[in-house]
């Protein structure tokens, strides 16, 4: 449901919170923290490589494939943070790091960065946030009502189909990035990113199809892409899906816009590891360049300010958030259904 009534103005609230955050040094970089994460990921990839060689022609290779799906997602989290200038002190160095991480994952940094920047500027705002633009799924009932053909049927059950569809999201992210880099017009870092992808895909695929039987190699690739897609979707979807969606004409102050449209996930350190810091989505949207390690402390500051101002602060468990997302998508998808799909209406029609 699109909300058209503007929220009360709270123009000074963000400045007040920012002052406290800066005074406590919560925007300071933590390079050692990210160095430890990077070292852990390198060890993980090395272990997968050793396991791949030792297992040889064995269906246990699918466990290595699943592990790679997890590792690539963790690298994508680092690419996301570098794009927000979180890891290093220099903006240019962060950009280079994000491009490199994107190449490791097999995604285009420039494609993702443009899309994600627009999302941060206007989360859950119709026609402004690309993350709720209509596509295979619809996030606004009016979009679902206009869907046609197979997409209309799919969207009518999109909540239940959401996680199964995520198994294809890994492949979709690769395809979208390549399409963007090969498109006409100006593309920032086009040749650098194409070079990285031209190295990455053969380096990954050639050993896979050279040392495994053809069927096993395809199964390995399918499992890795499916785990990567589901993990990515399961980490990003709880952040905003099912939160208020507002009309493009509604004007909100920055603090209200970011807090009201975002959802945090409870769980502490394990949720922070699992979601790459995205569990603190409210704090991330308020301070995109804040290092992951400082988000938990910032949460307490933001909660106190929200209580003072009466601004809703949404926080749920991980499994509960998935239930909210599925329920919301199903409610939106009702607009794509034929009213005669209802058993009672079908009975009247037969009569």
C-alpha atoms as a PDB file:
ATOM      1  CA  UNK A   1       0.000   0.000   0.000  1.00  0.00           C
ATOM      2  CA  UNK A   2       1.424   3.372  -0.997  1.00  0.00           C
ATOM      3  CA  UNK A   3       1.505   5.970   1.749  1.00  0.00           C
ATOM      4  CA  UNK A   4       0.799   9.521   0.606  1.00  0.00           C
ATOM      5  CA  UNK A   5       0.584  11.393   3.933  1.00  0.00           C
ATOM      6  CA  UNK A   6       3.946  12.972   4.846  1.00  0.00           C
ATOM      7  CA  UNK A   7       5.456  12.266   8.243  1.00  0.00           C
ATOM      8  CA  UNK A   8       6.089  15.113  10.730  1.00  0.00           C
ATOM      9  CA  UNK A   9       9.261  17.093   9.977  1.00  0.00           C
ATOM     10  CA  UNK A  10      12.285  16.117  12.114  1.00  0.00           C
ATOM     11  CA  UNK A  11      14.931  18.093  10.304  1.00  0.00           C
ATOM     12  CA  UNK A  12      17.313  18.502  13.254  1.00  0.00           C
ATOM     13  CA  UNK A  13      17.212  14.906  14.458  1.00  0.00           C
ATOM     14  CA  UNK A  14      19.847  13.585  12.070  1.00  0.00           C
ATOM     15  CA  UNK A  15      22.265  16.393  12.890  1.00  0.00           C
ATOM     16  CA  UNK A  16      21.873  15.662  16.598  1.00  0.00           C
ATOM     17  CA  UNK A  17      22.506  11.943  16.166  1.00  0.00           C
ATOM     18  CA  UNK A  18      25.454  12.631  13.842  1.00  0.00           C
ATOM     19  CA  UNK A  19      27.039  14.865  16.451  1.00  0.00           C
ATOM     20  CA  UNK A  20      26.951  12.078  19.056  1.00  0.00           C
ATOM     21  CA  UNK A  21      28.195   9.468  16.570  1.00  0.00           C
ATOM     22  CA  UNK A  22      31.148  11.609  15.527  1.00  0.00           C
ATOM     23  CA  UNK A  23      32.010  12.505  19.129  1.00  0.00           C
ATOM     24  CA  UNK A  24      32.266   8.791  19.975  1.00  0.00           C
ATOM     25  CA  UNK A  25      34.491   8.119  16.960  1.00  0.00           C
ATOM     26  CA  UNK A  26      32.063   5.684  15.349  1.00  0.00           C
ATOM     27  CA  UNK A  27      32.873   6.821  11.815  1.00  0.00           C
ATOM     28  CA  UNK A  28      36.580   6.037  12.230  1.00  0.00           C
ATOM     29  CA  UNK A  29      37.943   3.374   9.880  1.00  0.00           C
ATOM     30  CA  UNK A  30      38.801  -0.091  11.238  1.00  0.00           C
ATOM     31  CA  UNK A  31      41.284  -1.473   8.669  1.00  0.00           C
ATOM     32  CA  UNK A  32      42.537  -4.251  10.982  1.00  0.00           C
ATOM     33  CA  UNK A  33      38.983  -5.573  11.351  1.00  0.00           C
ATOM     34  CA  UNK A  34      38.555  -5.838   7.584  1.00  0.00           C
ATOM     35  CA  UNK A  35      42.081  -7.256   7.225  1.00  0.00           C
ATOM     36  CA  UNK A  36      41.050 -10.121   9.522  1.00  0.00           C
ATOM     37  CA  UNK A  37      37.903 -10.731   7.478  1.00  0.00           C
ATOM     38  CA  UNK A  38      39.940 -10.692   4.273  1.00  0.00           C
ATOM     39  CA  UNK A  39      42.470 -13.136   5.714  1.00  0.00           C
ATOM     40  CA  UNK A  40      39.650 -15.450   6.782  1.00  0.00           C
ATOM     41  CA  UNK A  41      38.144 -15.377   3.292  1.00  0.00           C
ATOM     42  CA  UNK A  42      41.498 -16.110   1.655  1.00  0.00           C
ATOM     43  CA  UNK A  43      41.918 -19.121   3.935  1.00  0.00           C
ATOM     44  CA  UNK A  44      38.397 -20.203   3.022  1.00  0.00           C
ATOM     45  CA  UNK A  45      39.116 -20.074  -0.715  1.00  0.00           C
ATOM     46  CA  UNK A  46      42.409 -21.912  -0.247  1.00  0.00           C
ATOM     47  CA  UNK A  47      40.625 -24.611   1.756  1.00  0.00           C
ATOM     48  CA  UNK A  48      38.038 -24.970  -1.013  1.00  0.00           C
ATOM     49  CA  UNK A  49      40.796 -25.296  -3.591  1.00  0.00           C
ATOM     50  CA  UNK A  50      42.574 -27.975  -1.580  1.00  0.00           C
ATOM     51  CA  UNK A  51      39.297 -29.790  -0.968  1.00  0.00           C
ATOM     52  CA  UNK A  52      38.471 -29.643  -4.680  1.00  0.00           C
ATOM     53  CA  UNK A  53      41.773 -31.300  -5.577  1.00  0.00           C
ATOM     54  CA  UNK A  54      41.611 -33.946  -2.834  1.00  0.00           C
ATOM     55  CA  UNK A  55      37.995 -34.953  -3.458  1.00  0.00           C
ATOM     56  CA  UNK A  56      38.465 -35.408  -7.200  1.00  0.00           C
ATOM     57  CA  UNK A  57      35.618 -37.190  -9.001  1.00  0.00           C
ATOM     58  CA  UNK A  58      33.172 -37.236  -6.082  1.00  0.00           C
ATOM     59  CA  UNK A  59      29.692 -35.891  -5.494  1.00  0.00           C
ATOM     60  CA  UNK A  60      30.995 -34.516  -2.201  1.00  0.00           C
ATOM     61  CA  UNK A  61      32.310 -31.739  -4.461  1.00  0.00           C
ATOM     62  CA  UNK A  62      28.844 -30.194  -4.090  1.00  0.00           C
ATOM     63  CA  UNK A  63      29.801 -29.317  -0.507  1.00  0.00           C
ATOM     64  CA  UNK A  64      32.732 -27.339  -1.920  1.00  0.00           C
ATOM     65  CA  UNK A  65      30.317 -25.659  -4.326  1.00  0.00           C
ATOM     66  CA  UNK A  66      28.033 -24.620  -1.455  1.00  0.00           C
ATOM     67  CA  UNK A  67      31.030 -23.308   0.506  1.00  0.00           C
ATOM     68  CA  UNK A  68      32.085 -21.224  -2.519  1.00  0.00           C
ATOM     69  CA  UNK A  69      28.580 -19.764  -2.736  1.00  0.00           C
ATOM     70  CA  UNK A  70      28.925 -18.613   0.875  1.00  0.00           C
ATOM     71  CA  UNK A  71      32.446 -17.242   0.340  1.00  0.00           C
ATOM     72  CA  UNK A  72      31.467 -15.300  -2.793  1.00  0.00           C
ATOM     73  CA  UNK A  73      28.574 -13.738  -0.864  1.00  0.00           C
ATOM     74  CA  UNK A  74      30.917 -12.694   1.930  1.00  0.00           C
ATOM     75  CA  UNK A  75      33.188 -11.071  -0.674  1.00  0.00           C
ATOM     76  CA  UNK A  76      30.111  -9.285  -2.067  1.00  0.00           C
ATOM     77  CA  UNK A  77      29.498  -7.874   1.422  1.00  0.00           C
ATOM     78  CA  UNK A  78      33.014  -6.431   1.379  1.00  0.00           C
ATOM     79  CA  UNK A  79      32.415  -4.996  -2.110  1.00  0.00           C
ATOM     80  CA  UNK A  80      29.264  -3.340  -0.770  1.00  0.00           C
ATOM     81  CA  UNK A  81      31.151  -1.824   2.167  1.00  0.00           C
ATOM     82  CA  UNK A  82      34.060  -0.639   0.014  1.00  0.00           C
ATOM     83  CA  UNK A  83      31.571   1.016  -2.352  1.00  0.00           C
ATOM     84  CA  UNK A  84      30.280   2.966   0.652  1.00  0.00           C
ATOM     85  CA  UNK A  85      33.854   4.131   1.434  1.00  0.00           C
ATOM     86  CA  UNK A  86      33.820   2.077   4.640  1.00  0.00           C
ATOM     87  CA  UNK A  87      37.055   0.085   4.550  1.00  0.00           C
ATOM     88  CA  UNK A  88      39.876   2.432   3.498  1.00  0.00           C
ATOM     89  CA  UNK A  89      40.407   6.145   4.143  1.00  0.00           C
ATOM     90  CA  UNK A  90      40.679   7.162   0.480  1.00  0.00           C
ATOM     91  CA  UNK A  91      37.583   7.275  -1.711  1.00  0.00           C
ATOM     92  CA  UNK A  92      39.555   6.278  -4.797  1.00  0.00           C
ATOM     93  CA  UNK A  93      41.172   3.353  -2.971  1.00  0.00           C
ATOM     94  CA  UNK A  94      37.756   2.162  -1.808  1.00  0.00           C
ATOM     95  CA  UNK A  95      36.447   2.334  -5.375  1.00  0.00           C
ATOM     96  CA  UNK A  96      39.365   0.265  -6.637  1.00  0.00           C
ATOM     97  CA  UNK A  97      38.853  -2.261  -3.865  1.00  0.00           C
ATOM     98  CA  UNK A  98      35.140  -2.539  -4.658  1.00  0.00           C
ATOM     99  CA  UNK A  99      35.890  -3.040  -8.363  1.00  0.00           C
ATOM    100  CA  UNK A 100      38.350  -5.807  -7.467  1.00  0.00           C
ATOM    101  CA  UNK A 101      35.906  -7.524  -5.101  1.00  0.00           C
ATOM    102  CA  UNK A 102      33.206  -7.245  -7.744  1.00  0.00           C
ATOM    103  CA  UNK A 103      35.532  -8.980 -10.189  1.00  0.00           C
ATOM    104  CA  UNK A 104      36.149 -11.803  -7.694  1.00  0.00           C
ATOM    105  CA  UNK A 105      32.408 -12.312  -7.300  1.00  0.00           C
ATOM    106  CA  UNK A 106      31.701 -11.916 -11.027  1.00  0.00           C
ATOM    107  CA  UNK A 107      29.574  -8.775 -10.721  1.00  0.00           C
ATOM    108  CA  UNK A 108      29.855  -5.290 -12.196  1.00  0.00           C
ATOM    109  CA  UNK A 109      30.623  -2.655  -9.567  1.00  0.00           C
ATOM    110  CA  UNK A 110      29.498   0.220 -11.799  1.00  0.00           C
ATOM    111  CA  UNK A 111      26.116  -1.434 -12.499  1.00  0.00           C
ATOM    112  CA  UNK A 112      25.491  -2.158  -8.847  1.00  0.00           C
ATOM    113  CA  UNK A 113      26.776   1.192  -7.533  1.00  0.00           C
ATOM    114  CA  UNK A 114      24.411   3.302  -9.654  1.00  0.00           C
ATOM    115  CA  UNK A 115      21.431   1.191  -8.664  1.00  0.00           C
ATOM    116  CA  UNK A 116      22.339   1.044  -4.987  1.00  0.00           C
ATOM    117  CA  UNK A 117      23.027   4.770  -4.696  1.00  0.00           C
ATOM    118  CA  UNK A 118      19.521   5.543  -5.945  1.00  0.00           C
ATOM    119  CA  UNK A 119      18.112   3.073  -3.441  1.00  0.00           C
ATOM    120  CA  UNK A 120      19.910   4.753  -0.535  1.00  0.00           C
ATOM    121  CA  UNK A 121      18.659   8.178  -1.593  1.00  0.00           C
ATOM    122  CA  UNK A 122      14.995   7.107  -1.658  1.00  0.00           C
ATOM    123  CA  UNK A 123      14.367   3.722   0.017  1.00  0.00           C
ATOM    124  CA  UNK A 124      10.917   2.273  -0.769  1.00  0.00           C
ATOM    125  CA  UNK A 125       9.854   5.366  -2.705  1.00  0.00           C
ATOM    126  CA  UNK A 126       7.793   4.558  -5.790  1.00  0.00           C
ATOM    127  CA  UNK A 127       9.543   5.382  -9.096  1.00  0.00           C
ATOM    128  CA  UNK A 128      12.640   6.512  -7.168  1.00  0.00           C
ATOM    129  CA  UNK A 129      13.930   3.312  -5.572  1.00  0.00           C
ATOM    130  CA  UNK A 130      15.097   0.824  -8.238  1.00  0.00           C
ATOM    131  CA  UNK A 131      14.843  -1.999  -5.701  1.00  0.00           C
ATOM    132  CA  UNK A 132      11.035  -1.805  -5.841  1.00  0.00           C
ATOM    133  CA  UNK A 133      10.773  -1.261  -9.594  1.00  0.00           C
ATOM    134  CA  UNK A 134       8.520  -3.851 -11.271  1.00  0.00           C
ATOM    135  CA  UNK A 135      10.191  -6.861 -12.865  1.00  0.00           C
ATOM    136  CA  UNK A 136       9.826 -10.562 -12.279  1.00  0.00           C
ATOM    137  CA  UNK A 137       8.368  -9.570  -8.892  1.00  0.00           C
ATOM    138  CA  UNK A 138       6.154  -6.607  -8.025  1.00  0.00           C
ATOM    139  CA  UNK A 139       6.459  -4.711  -4.763  1.00  0.00           C
ATOM    140  CA  UNK A 140       3.490  -2.393  -5.289  1.00  0.00           C
ATOM    141  CA  UNK A 141      -0.060  -3.606  -5.946  1.00  0.00           C
ATOM    142  CA  UNK A 142      -0.586  -1.268  -8.909  1.00  0.00           C
ATOM    143  CA  UNK A 143       2.411  -2.833 -10.649  1.00  0.00           C
ATOM    144  CA  UNK A 144       1.155  -6.360  -9.960  1.00  0.00           C
ATOM    145  CA  UNK A 145      -2.259  -5.464 -11.379  1.00  0.00           C
ATOM    146  CA  UNK A 146      -0.625  -4.420 -14.673  1.00  0.00           C
ATOM    147  CA  UNK A 147       1.441  -7.601 -15.077  1.00  0.00           C
ATOM    148  CA  UNK A 148       0.592  -9.806 -18.059  1.00  0.00           C
ATOM    149  CA  UNK A 149       1.108 -13.362 -19.243  1.00  0.00           C
ATOM    150  CA  UNK A 150       3.288 -15.784 -17.270  1.00  0.00           C
ATOM    151  CA  UNK A 151       4.637 -12.940 -15.126  1.00  0.00           C
ATOM    152  CA  UNK A 152       1.094 -12.199 -13.917  1.00  0.00           C
ATOM    153  CA  UNK A 153       0.639 -15.810 -12.817  1.00  0.00           C
ATOM    154  CA  UNK A 154       4.041 -15.843 -11.141  1.00  0.00           C
ATOM    155  CA  UNK A 155       3.367 -12.618  -9.257  1.00  0.00           C
ATOM    156  CA  UNK A 156       0.041 -13.890  -8.000  1.00  0.00           C
ATOM    157  CA  UNK A 157       2.029 -16.419  -5.931  1.00  0.00           C
ATOM    158  CA  UNK A 158       5.264 -14.454  -5.670  1.00  0.00           C
ATOM    159  CA  UNK A 159       5.589 -14.693  -1.906  1.00  0.00           C
ATOM    160  CA  UNK A 160       5.698 -18.490  -1.952  1.00  0.00           C
ATOM    161  CA  UNK A 161       7.951 -18.456  -5.016  1.00  0.00           C
ATOM    162  CA  UNK A 162      10.356 -15.857  -3.631  1.00  0.00           C
ATOM    163  CA  UNK A 163      13.018 -18.187  -2.195  1.00  0.00           C
ATOM    164  CA  UNK A 164      12.840 -20.708  -5.062  1.00  0.00           C
ATOM    165  CA  UNK A 165      13.362 -17.815  -7.489  1.00  0.00           C
ATOM    166  CA  UNK A 166      16.414 -16.675  -5.550  1.00  0.00           C
ATOM    167  CA  UNK A 167      18.223 -19.805  -6.741  1.00  0.00           C
ATOM    168  CA  UNK A 168      18.409 -18.014 -10.113  1.00  0.00           C
ATOM    169  CA  UNK A 169      19.512 -14.670  -8.673  1.00  0.00           C
ATOM    170  CA  UNK A 170      23.212 -15.531  -8.745  1.00  0.00           C
ATOM    171  CA  UNK A 171      23.068 -16.152 -12.487  1.00  0.00           C
ATOM    172  CA  UNK A 172      20.963 -13.003 -12.922  1.00  0.00           C
ATOM    173  CA  UNK A 173      23.574 -10.857 -11.138  1.00  0.00           C
ATOM    174  CA  UNK A 174      26.294 -12.127 -13.474  1.00  0.00           C
ATOM    175  CA  UNK A 175      24.147 -11.523 -16.574  1.00  0.00           C
ATOM    176  CA  UNK A 176      23.028  -8.032 -15.515  1.00  0.00           C
ATOM    177  CA  UNK A 177      26.607  -6.982 -14.877  1.00  0.00           C
ATOM    178  CA  UNK A 178      27.859  -8.216 -18.252  1.00  0.00           C
ATOM    179  CA  UNK A 179      24.913  -6.620 -20.076  1.00  0.00           C
ATOM    180  CA  UNK A 180      25.652  -3.321 -18.366  1.00  0.00           C
ATOM    181  CA  UNK A 181      29.345  -3.415 -19.259  1.00  0.00           C
ATOM    182  CA  UNK A 182      28.563  -4.309 -22.882  1.00  0.00           C
ATOM    183  CA  UNK A 183      25.835  -1.695 -23.268  1.00  0.00           C
ATOM    184  CA  UNK A 184      26.111   1.452 -25.355  1.00  0.00           C
ATOM    185  CA  UNK A 185      26.855   4.785 -23.797  1.00  0.00           C
ATOM    186  CA  UNK A 186      29.338   5.774 -21.141  1.00  0.00           C
ATOM    187  CA  UNK A 187      30.120   3.118 -18.524  1.00  0.00           C
ATOM    188  CA  UNK A 188      32.567   3.998 -15.786  1.00  0.00           C
ATOM    189  CA  UNK A 189      35.491   1.554 -15.438  1.00  0.00           C
ATOM    190  CA  UNK A 190      34.111  -0.483 -18.361  1.00  0.00           C
ATOM    191  CA  UNK A 191      37.399  -1.970 -19.572  1.00  0.00           C
ATOM    192  CA  UNK A 192      38.831  -2.574 -16.113  1.00  0.00           C
ATOM    193  CA  UNK A 193      35.736  -4.499 -15.089  1.00  0.00           C
ATOM    194  CA  UNK A 194      35.528  -6.425 -18.367  1.00  0.00           C
ATOM    195  CA  UNK A 195      39.177  -7.413 -17.968  1.00  0.00           C
ATOM    196  CA  UNK A 196      38.557  -8.646 -14.422  1.00  0.00           C
ATOM    197  CA  UNK A 197      35.526 -10.666 -15.540  1.00  0.00           C
ATOM    198  CA  UNK A 198      37.462 -12.042 -18.515  1.00  0.00           C
ATOM    199  CA  UNK A 199      40.013 -13.373 -16.019  1.00  0.00           C
ATOM    200  CA  UNK A 200      37.563 -14.470 -13.340  1.00  0.00           C
ATOM    201  CA  UNK A 201      35.163 -16.658 -15.320  1.00  0.00           C
ATOM    202  CA  UNK A 202      37.778 -18.758 -17.182  1.00  0.00           C
ATOM    203  CA  UNK A 203      39.854 -19.096 -13.991  1.00  0.00           C
ATOM    204  CA  UNK A 204      36.803 -20.551 -12.260  1.00  0.00           C
ATOM    205  CA  UNK A 205      35.128 -22.508 -15.061  1.00  0.00           C
ATOM    206  CA  UNK A 206      38.093 -24.106 -16.853  1.00  0.00           C
ATOM    207  CA  UNK A 207      39.356 -26.152 -13.858  1.00  0.00           C
ATOM    208  CA  UNK A 208      35.762 -27.053 -13.021  1.00  0.00           C
ATOM    209  CA  UNK A 209      35.010 -28.587 -16.418  1.00  0.00           C
ATOM    210  CA  UNK A 210      38.523 -29.916 -16.912  1.00  0.00           C
ATOM    211  CA  UNK A 211      38.763 -32.007 -13.742  1.00  0.00           C
ATOM    212  CA  UNK A 212      35.136 -33.037 -13.140  1.00  0.00           C
ATOM    213  CA  UNK A 213      32.788 -35.110 -15.311  1.00  0.00           C
ATOM    214  CA  UNK A 214      30.469 -32.916 -17.361  1.00  0.00           C
ATOM    215  CA  UNK A 215      27.316 -33.653 -15.339  1.00  0.00           C
ATOM    216  CA  UNK A 216      29.096 -33.171 -12.031  1.00  0.00           C
ATOM    217  CA  UNK A 217      30.648 -29.912 -13.237  1.00  0.00           C
ATOM    218  CA  UNK A 218      27.238 -28.510 -14.166  1.00  0.00           C
ATOM    219  CA  UNK A 219      25.836 -29.681 -10.822  1.00  0.00           C
ATOM    220  CA  UNK A 220      28.748 -27.987  -9.024  1.00  0.00           C
ATOM    221  CA  UNK A 221      28.102 -24.731 -10.894  1.00  0.00           C
ATOM    222  CA  UNK A 222      24.356 -24.938 -10.263  1.00  0.00           C
ATOM    223  CA  UNK A 223      24.768 -25.469  -6.525  1.00  0.00           C
ATOM    224  CA  UNK A 224      27.303 -22.651  -6.210  1.00  0.00           C
ATOM    225  CA  UNK A 225      25.083 -20.190  -8.098  1.00  0.00           C
ATOM    226  CA  UNK A 226      21.972 -21.262  -6.184  1.00  0.00           C
ATOM    227  CA  UNK A 227      23.635 -20.868  -2.776  1.00  0.00           C
ATOM    228  CA  UNK A 228      25.079 -17.511  -3.827  1.00  0.00           C
ATOM    229  CA  UNK A 229      21.702 -16.246  -5.065  1.00  0.00           C
ATOM    230  CA  UNK A 230      19.703 -17.452  -2.060  1.00  0.00           C
ATOM    231  CA  UNK A 231      22.292 -16.124   0.394  1.00  0.00           C
ATOM    232  CA  UNK A 232      22.384 -12.719  -1.286  1.00  0.00           C
ATOM    233  CA  UNK A 233      18.607 -12.463  -1.407  1.00  0.00           C
ATOM    234  CA  UNK A 234      18.192 -13.745   2.147  1.00  0.00           C
ATOM    235  CA  UNK A 235      20.598 -11.035   3.340  1.00  0.00           C
ATOM    236  CA  UNK A 236      19.180  -8.060   1.431  1.00  0.00           C
ATOM    237  CA  UNK A 237      15.425  -8.817   1.317  1.00  0.00           C
ATOM    238  CA  UNK A 238      14.682  -8.437   5.068  1.00  0.00           C
ATOM    239  CA  UNK A 239      16.042  -4.891   5.069  1.00  0.00           C
ATOM    240  CA  UNK A 240      13.108  -3.083   3.413  1.00  0.00           C
ATOM    241  CA  UNK A 241      10.569  -5.525   1.984  1.00  0.00           C
ATOM    242  CA  UNK A 242       7.340  -5.283   3.960  1.00  0.00           C
ATOM    243  CA  UNK A 243       8.218  -1.836   5.308  1.00  0.00           C
ATOM    244  CA  UNK A 244       6.139   1.223   4.277  1.00  0.00           C
ATOM    245  CA  UNK A 245       6.177   2.085   0.564  1.00  0.00           C
ATOM    246  CA  UNK A 246       5.603   5.774  -0.118  1.00  0.00           C
ATOM    247  CA  UNK A 247       4.449   7.761  -3.118  1.00  0.00           C
ATOM    248  CA  UNK A 248       7.086   9.559  -5.186  1.00  0.00           C
ATOM    249  CA  UNK A 249       5.574  12.937  -4.230  1.00  0.00           C
ATOM    250  CA  UNK A 250       5.954  12.469  -0.459  1.00  0.00           C
ATOM    251  CA  UNK A 251       8.740  14.542   1.088  1.00  0.00           C
ATOM    252  CA  UNK A 252      10.413  13.294   4.261  1.00  0.00           C
ATOM    253  CA  UNK A 253      13.288  14.472   6.406  1.00  0.00           C
ATOM    254  CA  UNK A 254      16.381  12.287   6.116  1.00  0.00           C
ATOM    255  CA  UNK A 255      16.121  10.726   9.581  1.00  0.00           C
ATOM    256  CA  UNK A 256      12.472   9.676   9.217  1.00  0.00           C
ATOM    257  CA  UNK A 257      12.974   8.423   5.668  1.00  0.00           C
ATOM    258  CA  UNK A 258      15.843   6.125   6.557  1.00  0.00           C
ATOM    259  CA  UNK A 259      14.513   4.840   9.893  1.00  0.00           C
ATOM    260  CA  UNK A 260      10.884   4.258   8.917  1.00  0.00           C
ATOM    261  CA  UNK A 261      11.669   2.453   5.677  1.00  0.00           C
ATOM    262  CA  UNK A 262      14.316   0.115   7.120  1.00  0.00           C
ATOM    263  CA  UNK A 263      14.241  -2.968   9.327  1.00  0.00           C
ATOM    264  CA  UNK A 264      16.948  -4.314  11.615  1.00  0.00           C
ATOM    265  CA  UNK A 265      17.503  -7.997  12.359  1.00  0.00           C
ATOM    266  CA  UNK A 266      18.182  -9.162  15.909  1.00  0.00           C
ATOM    267  CA  UNK A 267      20.906 -11.681  16.622  1.00  0.00           C
ATOM    268  CA  UNK A 268      24.088  -9.874  17.623  1.00  0.00           C
ATOM    269  CA  UNK A 269      27.458 -11.069  16.337  1.00  0.00           C
ATOM    270  CA  UNK A 270      26.181 -14.098  14.417  1.00  0.00           C
ATOM    271  CA  UNK A 271      23.637 -11.991  12.498  1.00  0.00           C
ATOM    272  CA  UNK A 272      26.376  -9.444  11.756  1.00  0.00           C
ATOM    273  CA  UNK A 273      28.571 -12.203  10.338  1.00  0.00           C
ATOM    274  CA  UNK A 274      25.747 -13.874   8.432  1.00  0.00           C
ATOM    275  CA  UNK A 275      24.450 -10.633   6.883  1.00  0.00           C
ATOM    276  CA  UNK A 276      27.705  -8.720   6.558  1.00  0.00           C
ATOM    277  CA  UNK A 277      26.432  -5.940   8.831  1.00  0.00           C
ATOM    278  CA  UNK A 278      23.182  -5.558   6.889  1.00  0.00           C
ATOM    279  CA  UNK A 279      21.329  -6.646  10.030  1.00  0.00           C
ATOM    280  CA  UNK A 280      21.898  -3.061  11.209  1.00  0.00           C
ATOM    281  CA  UNK A 281      20.113  -1.675   8.176  1.00  0.00           C
ATOM    282  CA  UNK A 282      18.746   1.420   9.928  1.00  0.00           C
ATOM    283  CA  UNK A 283      22.178   2.520  11.108  1.00  0.00           C
ATOM    284  CA  UNK A 284      23.697   1.616   7.736  1.00  0.00           C
ATOM    285  CA  UNK A 285      21.193   3.858   5.942  1.00  0.00           C
ATOM    286  CA  UNK A 286      21.783   6.717   8.351  1.00  0.00           C
ATOM    287  CA  UNK A 287      25.575   6.366   8.149  1.00  0.00           C
ATOM    288  CA  UNK A 288      26.466   4.442   4.963  1.00  0.00           C
ATOM    289  CA  UNK A 289      30.217   4.955   5.415  1.00  0.00           C
ATOM    290  CA  UNK A 290      30.259   3.576   8.963  1.00  0.00           C
ATOM    291  CA  UNK A 291      32.411   0.446   9.452  1.00  0.00           C
ATOM    292  CA  UNK A 292      30.540  -2.749  10.259  1.00  0.00           C
ATOM    293  CA  UNK A 293      32.162  -3.028  13.697  1.00  0.00           C
ATOM    294  CA  UNK A 294      30.613   0.248  14.936  1.00  0.00           C
ATOM    295  CA  UNK A 295      27.026  -0.346  13.862  1.00  0.00           C
ATOM    296  CA  UNK A 296      25.988  -2.127  17.076  1.00  0.00           C
ATOM    297  CA  UNK A 297      27.072   0.805  19.278  1.00  0.00           C
ATOM    298  CA  UNK A 298      25.364   3.269  16.941  1.00  0.00           C
ATOM    299  CA  UNK A 299      22.143   1.248  17.233  1.00  0.00           C
ATOM    300  CA  UNK A 300      21.807   2.248  20.907  1.00  0.00           C
ATOM    301  CA  UNK A 301      22.205   5.932  20.040  1.00  0.00           C
ATOM    302  CA  UNK A 302      19.607   5.754  17.267  1.00  0.00           C
ATOM    303  CA  UNK A 303      17.103   3.848  19.440  1.00  0.00           C
ATOM    304  CA  UNK A 304      17.380   6.489  22.145  1.00  0.00           C
ATOM    305  CA  UNK A 305      16.714   9.265  19.635  1.00  0.00           C
ATOM    306  CA  UNK A 306      13.749   7.376  18.147  1.00  0.00           C
ATOM    307  CA  UNK A 307      12.215   6.956  21.596  1.00  0.00           C
ATOM    308  CA  UNK A 308      12.692  10.649  22.271  1.00  0.00           C
ATOM    309  CA  UNK A 309      10.997  11.629  19.002  1.00  0.00           C
ATOM    310  CA  UNK A 310       8.377   8.869  18.863  1.00  0.00           C
ATOM    311  CA  UNK A 311       9.748   7.522  15.579  1.00  0.00           C
ATOM    312  CA  UNK A 312       9.073   3.773  15.091  1.00  0.00           C
ATOM    313  CA  UNK A 313      12.243   1.665  15.175  1.00  0.00           C
ATOM    314  CA  UNK A 314      11.631  -1.716  13.563  1.00  0.00           C
ATOM    315  CA  UNK A 315      13.644  -4.747  14.633  1.00  0.00           C
ATOM    316  CA  UNK A 316      12.708  -8.414  14.211  1.00  0.00           C
ATOM    317  CA  UNK A 317      14.229 -11.871  14.260  1.00  0.00           C
ATOM    318  CA  UNK A 318      15.631 -13.266  11.014  1.00  0.00           C
ATOM    319  CA  UNK A 319      13.001 -15.962  10.496  1.00  0.00           C
ATOM    320  CA  UNK A 320      10.236 -13.527  11.428  1.00  0.00           C
ATOM    321  CA  UNK A 321      11.529 -11.100   8.810  1.00  0.00           C
ATOM    322  CA  UNK A 322      11.302 -13.798   6.138  1.00  0.00           C
ATOM    323  CA  UNK A 323       7.694 -14.453   7.134  1.00  0.00           C
ATOM    324  CA  UNK A 324       6.972 -10.720   6.824  1.00  0.00           C
ATOM    325  CA  UNK A 325       8.601 -10.575   3.379  1.00  0.00           C
ATOM    326  CA  UNK A 326       6.684 -13.614   2.087  1.00  0.00           C
ATOM    327  CA  UNK A 327       3.391 -12.320   3.495  1.00  0.00           C
ATOM    328  CA  UNK A 328       3.924  -8.855   2.013  1.00  0.00           C
ATOM    329  CA  UNK A 329       4.782 -10.213  -1.435  1.00  0.00           C
ATOM    330  CA  UNK A 330       1.718 -12.447  -1.367  1.00  0.00           C
ATOM    331  CA  UNK A 331      -0.533  -9.523  -0.428  1.00  0.00           C
ATOM    332  CA  UNK A 332       0.889  -7.432  -3.273  1.00  0.00           C
ATOM    333  CA  UNK A 333       0.517 -10.399  -5.612  1.00  0.00           C
ATOM    334  CA  UNK A 334      -3.219 -10.607  -4.928  1.00  0.00           C
ATOM    335  CA  UNK A 335      -3.619  -7.711  -7.376  1.00  0.00           C
ATOM    336  CA  UNK A 336      -2.333  -9.986 -10.147  1.00  0.00           C
ATOM    337  CA  UNK A 337      -4.870 -12.733  -9.503  1.00  0.00           C
ATOM    338  CA  UNK A 338      -8.077 -13.390 -11.367  1.00  0.00           C
ATOM    339  CA  UNK A 339     -10.889 -12.812  -8.827  1.00  0.00           C
ATOM    340  CA  UNK A 340     -12.381 -16.129  -9.970  1.00  0.00           C
ATOM    341  CA  UNK A 341      -9.283 -17.888  -8.558  1.00  0.00           C
ATOM    342  CA  UNK A 342     -11.080 -17.644  -5.233  1.00  0.00           C
ATOM    343  CA  UNK A 343     -12.827 -21.022  -4.604  1.00  0.00           C
ATOM    344  CA  UNK A 344     -16.044 -19.339  -3.452  1.00  0.00           C
ATOM    345  CA  UNK A 345     -16.189 -17.126  -6.545  1.00  0.00           C
ATOM    346  CA  UNK A 346     -15.398 -20.118  -8.746  1.00  0.00           C
ATOM    347  CA  UNK A 347     -18.385 -21.941  -7.210  1.00  0.00           C
ATOM    348  CA  UNK A 348     -20.680 -19.025  -8.084  1.00  0.00           C
ATOM    349  CA  UNK A 349     -19.288 -18.980 -11.616  1.00  0.00           C
ATOM    350  CA  UNK A 350     -20.052 -22.672 -12.105  1.00  0.00           C
ATOM    351  CA  UNK A 351     -23.582 -22.089 -10.804  1.00  0.00           C
END
